[in-house]
């Protein structure tokens, strides 16, 4: 058995970062390459792409509308008609604004995890996000989704 003095690094002794043979720790990919982006960041970019396209075409109608992303839907027992569902799972929610003293702008909330779960790959996810946003914006504006797409 070694004494405590032998366990401590002394002058000229070198400690090993890889004490248990697990290899290097830290990022495997530099932060500047696309592979380093998280799923949440990729999802946010897909939402922004669709929203920017819609805002260019419908700037006046979408002025003041907020778009948000949450990981999972809140635990609500009963959903209103403002929720876009797939079976029993909410994918997005439209919260209409409230005019008046405390003006609250309309908000469209997308739920990232349920949408990611339904997509086969990134292209499929992009299409699904686009379709859900189009559907919710059409509900907000009171028009047919085909008119927006």
N, C-alpha and C. Protein backbone atom coordinates (compact mmCIF):
# COMPACT_ATOMS: atom_id res chain seq x y z
N UNK A 1 0.84 -1.16 0.00
CA UNK A 1 0.00 0.00 0.00
C UNK A 1 0.89 1.23 0.00
N UNK A 2 0.43 2.24 -0.70
CA UNK A 2 1.25 3.44 -0.80
C UNK A 2 0.80 4.44 0.24
N UNK A 3 1.73 5.20 0.67
CA UNK A 3 1.40 6.23 1.67
C UNK A 3 0.84 7.46 0.95
N UNK A 4 0.15 8.34 1.69
CA UNK A 4 -0.42 9.54 1.08
C UNK A 4 0.61 10.40 0.38
N UNK A 5 1.86 10.37 0.85
CA UNK A 5 2.89 11.18 0.20
C UNK A 5 3.17 10.70 -1.21
N UNK A 6 3.02 9.41 -1.45
CA UNK A 6 3.33 8.87 -2.77
C UNK A 6 2.19 9.14 -3.76
N UNK A 7 1.00 9.39 -3.28
CA UNK A 7 -0.14 9.65 -4.17
C UNK A 7 -0.14 11.08 -4.69
N UNK A 8 0.40 11.98 -3.93
CA UNK A 8 0.40 13.38 -4.34
C UNK A 8 1.51 13.62 -5.35
N UNK A 9 1.21 14.47 -6.34
CA UNK A 9 2.28 14.78 -7.29
C UNK A 9 3.33 15.66 -6.63
N UNK A 10 4.54 15.32 -6.78
CA UNK A 10 5.62 16.11 -6.22
C UNK A 10 6.36 16.82 -7.34
N UNK A 11 7.45 17.45 -6.99
CA UNK A 11 8.24 18.12 -8.03
C UNK A 11 8.75 17.08 -9.03
N UNK A 12 8.55 17.38 -10.30
CA UNK A 12 9.01 16.46 -11.33
C UNK A 12 8.03 15.34 -11.65
N UNK A 13 6.97 15.16 -10.85
CA UNK A 13 5.97 14.13 -11.13
C UNK A 13 4.89 14.71 -12.02
N UNK A 14 4.34 13.88 -12.84
CA UNK A 14 3.30 14.31 -13.76
C UNK A 14 1.99 13.61 -13.45
N UNK A 15 0.91 14.36 -13.41
CA UNK A 15 -0.39 13.73 -13.20
C UNK A 15 -1.01 13.44 -14.56
N UNK A 16 -1.84 12.44 -14.59
CA UNK A 16 -2.50 12.05 -15.83
C UNK A 16 -3.93 12.55 -15.83
N UNK A 17 -4.37 13.17 -16.93
CA UNK A 17 -5.75 13.62 -17.07
C UNK A 17 -6.65 12.43 -17.37
N UNK A 18 -6.09 11.41 -17.95
CA UNK A 18 -6.87 10.24 -18.36
C UNK A 18 -6.66 9.12 -17.35
N UNK A 19 -7.08 9.37 -16.13
CA UNK A 19 -6.81 8.44 -15.05
C UNK A 19 -7.48 7.09 -15.22
N UNK A 20 -8.69 7.07 -15.78
CA UNK A 20 -9.44 5.81 -15.84
C UNK A 20 -9.59 5.28 -17.27
N UNK A 21 -8.79 5.79 -18.18
CA UNK A 21 -8.79 5.27 -19.54
C UNK A 21 -10.01 5.64 -20.36
N UNK A 22 -10.66 6.74 -20.06
CA UNK A 22 -11.86 7.13 -20.80
C UNK A 22 -11.54 7.96 -22.03
N UNK A 23 -10.34 8.34 -22.23
CA UNK A 23 -9.99 9.14 -23.39
C UNK A 23 -10.10 10.63 -23.10
N UNK A 24 -9.99 11.39 -24.17
CA UNK A 24 -10.05 12.83 -24.03
C UNK A 24 -11.44 13.29 -23.65
N UNK A 25 -11.50 14.35 -22.91
CA UNK A 25 -12.79 14.93 -22.53
C UNK A 25 -12.95 16.26 -23.22
N UNK A 26 -14.19 16.64 -23.41
CA UNK A 26 -14.46 17.92 -24.05
C UNK A 26 -15.10 17.72 -25.41
N UNK A 27 -15.14 18.78 -26.19
CA UNK A 27 -15.77 18.75 -27.50
C UNK A 27 -15.00 17.85 -28.46
N UNK A 28 -15.73 17.09 -29.23
CA UNK A 28 -15.11 16.28 -30.27
C UNK A 28 -15.03 17.04 -31.58
N UNK A 29 -15.87 18.04 -31.71
CA UNK A 29 -15.96 18.82 -32.93
C UNK A 29 -15.78 20.29 -32.57
N UNK A 30 -15.01 21.04 -33.36
CA UNK A 30 -14.88 22.47 -33.07
C UNK A 30 -16.24 23.17 -33.13
N UNK A 31 -16.40 24.20 -32.34
CA UNK A 31 -17.67 24.91 -32.25
C UNK A 31 -18.04 25.64 -33.53
N UNK A 32 -17.10 25.80 -34.45
CA UNK A 32 -17.37 26.55 -35.67
C UNK A 32 -17.98 25.72 -36.79
N UNK A 33 -18.02 24.40 -36.65
CA UNK A 33 -18.58 23.57 -37.72
C UNK A 33 -20.04 23.25 -37.41
N UNK A 34 -20.86 23.01 -38.45
CA UNK A 34 -22.30 22.77 -38.23
C UNK A 34 -22.61 21.57 -37.35
N UNK A 35 -21.75 20.59 -37.30
CA UNK A 35 -22.00 19.39 -36.50
C UNK A 35 -22.05 19.71 -35.01
N UNK A 36 -21.47 20.84 -34.61
CA UNK A 36 -21.42 21.19 -33.19
C UNK A 36 -22.73 21.81 -32.69
N UNK A 37 -23.68 22.07 -33.58
CA UNK A 37 -24.94 22.68 -33.18
C UNK A 37 -25.84 21.65 -32.50
N UNK A 38 -26.53 22.09 -31.46
CA UNK A 38 -27.43 21.20 -30.74
C UNK A 38 -28.73 21.04 -31.52
N UNK A 39 -29.53 20.05 -31.13
CA UNK A 39 -30.83 19.85 -31.77
C UNK A 39 -31.73 21.06 -31.57
N UNK A 40 -31.66 21.65 -30.41
CA UNK A 40 -32.48 22.83 -30.13
C UNK A 40 -32.09 24.00 -31.03
N UNK A 41 -30.80 24.19 -31.26
CA UNK A 41 -30.34 25.27 -32.13
C UNK A 41 -30.77 25.03 -33.58
N UNK A 42 -30.67 23.79 -34.02
CA UNK A 42 -31.12 23.45 -35.38
C UNK A 42 -32.61 23.69 -35.52
N UNK A 43 -33.39 23.28 -34.51
CA UNK A 43 -34.83 23.47 -34.53
C UNK A 43 -35.17 24.96 -34.57
N UNK A 44 -34.50 25.76 -33.75
CA UNK A 44 -34.74 27.20 -33.75
C UNK A 44 -34.47 27.81 -35.13
N UNK A 45 -33.42 27.35 -35.79
CA UNK A 45 -33.11 27.84 -37.14
C UNK A 45 -34.22 27.49 -38.13
N UNK A 46 -34.78 26.28 -38.02
CA UNK A 46 -35.86 25.89 -38.91
C UNK A 46 -37.09 26.78 -38.69
N UNK A 47 -37.38 27.08 -37.44
CA UNK A 47 -38.51 27.96 -37.13
C UNK A 47 -38.25 29.35 -37.69
N UNK A 48 -37.05 29.87 -37.47
CA UNK A 48 -36.72 31.21 -37.96
C UNK A 48 -36.80 31.30 -39.47
N UNK A 49 -36.36 30.27 -40.17
CA UNK A 49 -36.42 30.28 -41.64
C UNK A 49 -37.86 30.43 -42.12
N UNK A 50 -38.76 29.65 -41.54
CA UNK A 50 -40.17 29.71 -41.94
C UNK A 50 -40.79 31.04 -41.56
N UNK A 51 -40.51 31.51 -40.36
CA UNK A 51 -41.10 32.77 -39.88
C UNK A 51 -40.61 33.95 -40.74
N UNK A 52 -39.32 33.97 -41.06
CA UNK A 52 -38.78 35.05 -41.89
C UNK A 52 -39.42 35.06 -43.27
N UNK A 53 -39.64 33.90 -43.84
CA UNK A 53 -40.29 33.81 -45.15
C UNK A 53 -41.71 34.36 -45.07
N UNK A 54 -42.44 33.96 -44.03
CA UNK A 54 -43.81 34.45 -43.86
C UNK A 54 -43.85 35.96 -43.58
N UNK A 55 -42.91 36.45 -42.78
CA UNK A 55 -42.91 37.87 -42.45
C UNK A 55 -42.59 38.74 -43.66
N UNK A 56 -41.81 38.23 -44.60
CA UNK A 56 -41.54 38.98 -45.82
C UNK A 56 -42.81 39.14 -46.65
N UNK A 57 -43.63 38.11 -46.67
CA UNK A 57 -44.85 38.13 -47.49
C UNK A 57 -46.03 38.78 -46.77
N UNK A 58 -46.09 38.64 -45.46
CA UNK A 58 -47.24 39.12 -44.68
C UNK A 58 -46.78 39.99 -43.52
N UNK A 59 -45.95 40.97 -43.81
CA UNK A 59 -45.37 41.81 -42.77
C UNK A 59 -46.44 42.55 -41.98
N UNK A 60 -47.41 43.09 -42.66
CA UNK A 60 -48.45 43.87 -41.98
C UNK A 60 -49.30 42.98 -41.08
N UNK A 61 -49.71 41.81 -41.58
CA UNK A 61 -50.58 40.92 -40.82
C UNK A 61 -49.87 40.30 -39.62
N UNK A 62 -48.56 40.08 -39.74
CA UNK A 62 -47.82 39.41 -38.67
C UNK A 62 -47.06 40.37 -37.76
N UNK A 63 -47.28 41.67 -37.95
CA UNK A 63 -46.61 42.64 -37.09
C UNK A 63 -47.07 42.42 -35.64
N UNK A 64 -46.13 42.24 -34.77
CA UNK A 64 -46.46 42.06 -33.35
C UNK A 64 -46.70 40.62 -32.93
N UNK A 65 -46.77 39.69 -33.87
CA UNK A 65 -46.98 38.28 -33.51
C UNK A 65 -45.66 37.72 -33.00
N UNK A 66 -45.71 37.05 -31.88
CA UNK A 66 -44.52 36.43 -31.30
C UNK A 66 -44.51 34.94 -31.61
N UNK A 67 -43.34 34.42 -31.90
CA UNK A 67 -43.16 32.99 -32.13
C UNK A 67 -42.22 32.48 -31.05
N UNK A 68 -42.59 31.37 -30.44
CA UNK A 68 -41.80 30.82 -29.35
C UNK A 68 -41.64 29.31 -29.54
N UNK A 69 -40.60 28.77 -28.93
CA UNK A 69 -40.34 27.32 -28.94
C UNK A 69 -40.19 26.86 -27.51
N UNK A 70 -40.90 25.82 -27.17
CA UNK A 70 -40.73 25.16 -25.87
C UNK A 70 -40.38 23.71 -26.15
N UNK A 71 -39.63 23.11 -25.23
CA UNK A 71 -39.22 21.71 -25.44
C UNK A 71 -40.41 20.77 -25.46
N UNK A 72 -41.26 20.87 -24.47
CA UNK A 72 -42.42 19.99 -24.36
C UNK A 72 -43.64 20.81 -23.99
N UNK A 73 -44.83 20.31 -24.32
CA UNK A 73 -46.03 21.06 -23.95
C UNK A 73 -46.23 21.05 -22.43
N UNK A 74 -46.89 22.07 -21.92
CA UNK A 74 -47.17 22.08 -20.49
C UNK A 74 -48.17 20.99 -20.14
N UNK A 75 -48.20 20.62 -18.90
CA UNK A 75 -49.08 19.55 -18.44
C UNK A 75 -50.47 20.13 -18.19
N UNK A 76 -51.26 20.19 -19.25
CA UNK A 76 -52.63 20.67 -19.13
C UNK A 76 -53.58 19.51 -19.36
N UNK A 77 -54.63 19.45 -18.58
CA UNK A 77 -55.59 18.35 -18.71
C UNK A 77 -56.48 18.53 -19.93
N UNK A 78 -56.92 19.74 -20.17
CA UNK A 78 -57.83 20.00 -21.28
C UNK A 78 -57.25 21.12 -22.12
N UNK A 79 -57.16 20.85 -23.41
CA UNK A 79 -56.66 21.87 -24.33
C UNK A 79 -57.83 22.53 -25.03
N UNK A 80 -57.65 23.80 -25.35
CA UNK A 80 -58.66 24.52 -26.10
C UNK A 80 -58.52 24.19 -27.58
N UNK A 81 -59.33 24.85 -28.39
CA UNK A 81 -59.26 24.63 -29.83
C UNK A 81 -58.04 25.31 -30.43
N UNK A 82 -57.27 26.04 -29.63
CA UNK A 82 -56.10 26.74 -30.14
C UNK A 82 -54.85 25.86 -30.20
N UNK A 83 -55.00 24.57 -29.93
CA UNK A 83 -53.87 23.65 -29.91
C UNK A 83 -53.93 22.74 -31.12
N UNK A 84 -52.81 22.65 -31.84
CA UNK A 84 -52.69 21.72 -32.96
C UNK A 84 -52.13 20.42 -32.41
N UNK A 85 -52.92 19.34 -32.54
CA UNK A 85 -52.53 18.06 -31.94
C UNK A 85 -52.33 16.99 -33.00
N UNK A 86 -51.51 16.02 -32.65
CA UNK A 86 -51.36 14.79 -33.40
C UNK A 86 -51.79 13.70 -32.45
N UNK A 87 -53.01 13.21 -32.60
CA UNK A 87 -53.55 12.27 -31.62
C UNK A 87 -53.81 13.03 -30.34
N UNK A 88 -53.14 12.65 -29.30
CA UNK A 88 -53.30 13.31 -28.00
C UNK A 88 -52.12 14.22 -27.66
N UNK A 89 -51.15 14.32 -28.56
CA UNK A 89 -49.93 15.07 -28.26
C UNK A 89 -49.97 16.44 -28.93
N UNK A 90 -49.90 17.51 -28.16
CA UNK A 90 -49.86 18.86 -28.74
C UNK A 90 -48.56 19.11 -29.49
N UNK A 91 -48.67 19.69 -30.67
CA UNK A 91 -47.49 20.05 -31.47
C UNK A 91 -47.22 21.55 -31.42
N UNK A 92 -48.30 22.33 -31.34
CA UNK A 92 -48.17 23.78 -31.31
C UNK A 92 -49.42 24.37 -30.67
N UNK A 93 -49.30 25.63 -30.28
CA UNK A 93 -50.43 26.29 -29.65
C UNK A 93 -50.48 27.74 -30.09
N UNK A 94 -51.67 28.21 -30.38
CA UNK A 94 -51.89 29.60 -30.73
C UNK A 94 -52.54 30.30 -29.55
N UNK A 95 -51.85 31.29 -29.04
CA UNK A 95 -52.39 32.09 -27.94
C UNK A 95 -52.78 33.45 -28.53
N UNK A 96 -54.08 33.67 -28.74
CA UNK A 96 -54.50 34.94 -29.34
C UNK A 96 -54.20 36.09 -28.40
N UNK A 97 -53.90 37.22 -28.97
CA UNK A 97 -53.58 38.39 -28.17
C UNK A 97 -54.80 38.96 -27.47
N UNK A 98 -54.54 39.78 -26.47
CA UNK A 98 -55.61 40.47 -25.74
C UNK A 98 -55.40 41.97 -25.87
N UNK A 99 -56.28 42.62 -26.61
CA UNK A 99 -56.17 44.08 -26.65
C UNK A 99 -56.72 44.68 -25.37
N UNK A 100 -56.33 45.87 -25.09
CA UNK A 100 -56.84 46.54 -23.89
C UNK A 100 -55.72 47.19 -23.11
N UNK A 101 -55.95 47.33 -21.81
CA UNK A 101 -54.96 48.00 -20.96
C UNK A 101 -53.64 47.25 -20.94
N UNK A 102 -53.71 45.96 -20.71
CA UNK A 102 -52.50 45.14 -20.71
C UNK A 102 -52.46 44.37 -22.02
N UNK A 103 -52.05 45.06 -23.05
CA UNK A 103 -52.07 44.45 -24.37
C UNK A 103 -51.06 43.30 -24.43
N UNK A 104 -51.55 42.14 -24.81
CA UNK A 104 -50.72 40.96 -24.96
C UNK A 104 -50.74 40.58 -26.44
N UNK A 105 -49.57 40.52 -27.08
CA UNK A 105 -49.56 40.19 -28.50
C UNK A 105 -49.88 38.71 -28.72
N UNK A 106 -50.38 38.38 -29.91
CA UNK A 106 -50.61 36.97 -30.21
C UNK A 106 -49.28 36.22 -30.20
N UNK A 107 -49.35 34.95 -29.80
CA UNK A 107 -48.13 34.14 -29.70
C UNK A 107 -48.41 32.75 -30.26
N UNK A 108 -47.48 32.28 -31.06
CA UNK A 108 -47.54 30.91 -31.58
C UNK A 108 -46.38 30.16 -30.94
N UNK A 109 -46.71 29.08 -30.23
CA UNK A 109 -45.71 28.29 -29.52
C UNK A 109 -45.60 26.92 -30.18
N UNK A 110 -44.39 26.55 -30.56
CA UNK A 110 -44.13 25.23 -31.12
C UNK A 110 -43.46 24.38 -30.06
N UNK A 111 -43.84 23.10 -29.99
CA UNK A 111 -43.26 22.18 -29.02
C UNK A 111 -42.24 21.30 -29.74
N UNK A 112 -40.97 21.52 -29.42
CA UNK A 112 -39.85 20.93 -30.15
C UNK A 112 -39.82 19.40 -30.09
N UNK A 113 -39.87 18.84 -28.92
CA UNK A 113 -39.69 17.38 -28.78
C UNK A 113 -40.76 16.57 -29.52
N UNK A 114 -42.05 16.90 -29.39
CA UNK A 114 -43.05 16.13 -30.15
C UNK A 114 -42.86 16.24 -31.67
N UNK A 115 -42.44 17.41 -32.13
CA UNK A 115 -42.20 17.57 -33.57
C UNK A 115 -40.98 16.77 -34.02
N UNK A 116 -39.91 16.81 -33.24
CA UNK A 116 -38.71 16.04 -33.58
C UNK A 116 -39.00 14.54 -33.59
N UNK A 117 -39.83 14.12 -32.67
CA UNK A 117 -40.15 12.69 -32.56
C UNK A 117 -40.88 12.18 -33.81
N UNK A 118 -41.67 13.03 -34.46
CA UNK A 118 -42.45 12.64 -35.62
C UNK A 118 -41.67 12.71 -36.92
N UNK A 119 -40.51 13.33 -36.92
CA UNK A 119 -39.73 13.51 -38.14
C UNK A 119 -38.71 12.38 -38.31
N UNK A 120 -38.55 11.97 -39.56
CA UNK A 120 -37.59 10.91 -39.87
C UNK A 120 -36.16 11.45 -39.96
N UNK A 121 -36.01 12.66 -40.53
CA UNK A 121 -34.70 13.27 -40.69
C UNK A 121 -34.86 14.79 -40.65
N UNK A 122 -33.78 15.50 -40.92
CA UNK A 122 -33.82 16.96 -40.82
C UNK A 122 -34.75 17.58 -41.86
N UNK A 123 -34.74 17.04 -43.07
CA UNK A 123 -35.64 17.56 -44.11
C UNK A 123 -37.10 17.37 -43.73
N UNK A 124 -37.41 16.21 -43.20
CA UNK A 124 -38.77 15.92 -42.76
C UNK A 124 -39.17 16.86 -41.62
N UNK A 125 -38.24 17.12 -40.72
CA UNK A 125 -38.50 18.04 -39.62
C UNK A 125 -38.75 19.45 -40.15
N UNK A 126 -37.95 19.88 -41.13
CA UNK A 126 -38.15 21.21 -41.72
C UNK A 126 -39.53 21.33 -42.34
N UNK A 127 -39.96 20.29 -43.06
CA UNK A 127 -41.29 20.30 -43.66
C UNK A 127 -42.38 20.33 -42.60
N UNK A 128 -42.21 19.55 -41.56
CA UNK A 128 -43.20 19.49 -40.48
C UNK A 128 -43.32 20.82 -39.75
N UNK A 129 -42.18 21.44 -39.44
CA UNK A 129 -42.17 22.74 -38.78
C UNK A 129 -42.86 23.77 -39.66
N UNK A 130 -42.54 23.76 -40.95
CA UNK A 130 -43.16 24.69 -41.90
C UNK A 130 -44.67 24.51 -41.91
N UNK A 131 -45.13 23.26 -42.02
CA UNK A 131 -46.57 22.99 -42.07
C UNK A 131 -47.29 23.43 -40.81
N UNK A 132 -46.68 23.17 -39.65
CA UNK A 132 -47.30 23.54 -38.37
C UNK A 132 -47.39 25.06 -38.23
N UNK A 133 -46.34 25.76 -38.61
CA UNK A 133 -46.36 27.22 -38.52
C UNK A 133 -47.41 27.78 -39.48
N UNK A 134 -47.46 27.26 -40.70
CA UNK A 134 -48.45 27.72 -41.68
C UNK A 134 -49.86 27.51 -41.13
N UNK A 135 -50.10 26.35 -40.54
CA UNK A 135 -51.42 26.05 -39.98
C UNK A 135 -51.79 27.03 -38.87
N UNK A 136 -50.85 27.30 -37.98
CA UNK A 136 -51.14 28.19 -36.86
C UNK A 136 -51.31 29.65 -37.32
N UNK A 137 -50.51 30.09 -38.27
CA UNK A 137 -50.65 31.46 -38.79
C UNK A 137 -51.98 31.59 -39.53
N UNK A 138 -52.38 30.55 -40.27
CA UNK A 138 -53.66 30.57 -40.96
C UNK A 138 -54.81 30.66 -39.95
N UNK A 139 -54.71 29.94 -38.84
CA UNK A 139 -55.73 30.03 -37.79
C UNK A 139 -55.78 31.44 -37.20
N UNK A 140 -54.61 32.02 -36.99
CA UNK A 140 -54.55 33.37 -36.42
C UNK A 140 -55.19 34.40 -37.36
N UNK A 141 -54.89 34.29 -38.66
CA UNK A 141 -55.39 35.26 -39.62
C UNK A 141 -56.78 34.94 -40.13
N UNK A 142 -57.27 33.74 -39.82
CA UNK A 142 -58.59 33.35 -40.27
C UNK A 142 -58.67 33.07 -41.76
N UNK A 143 -57.61 32.52 -42.31
CA UNK A 143 -57.57 32.18 -43.74
C UNK A 143 -57.27 30.69 -43.91
N UNK A 144 -57.41 30.21 -45.12
CA UNK A 144 -57.10 28.82 -45.43
C UNK A 144 -55.58 28.64 -45.48
N UNK A 145 -55.04 27.57 -44.92
CA UNK A 145 -53.58 27.36 -44.96
C UNK A 145 -53.02 27.31 -46.38
N UNK A 146 -53.81 26.89 -47.35
CA UNK A 146 -53.32 26.84 -48.74
C UNK A 146 -53.03 28.23 -49.29
N UNK A 147 -53.71 29.25 -48.77
CA UNK A 147 -53.46 30.63 -49.21
C UNK A 147 -52.09 31.12 -48.75
N UNK A 148 -51.62 30.61 -47.62
CA UNK A 148 -50.31 31.04 -47.09
C UNK A 148 -49.16 30.25 -47.70
N UNK A 149 -49.41 29.00 -47.99
CA UNK A 149 -48.33 28.15 -48.53
C UNK A 149 -48.15 28.38 -49.99
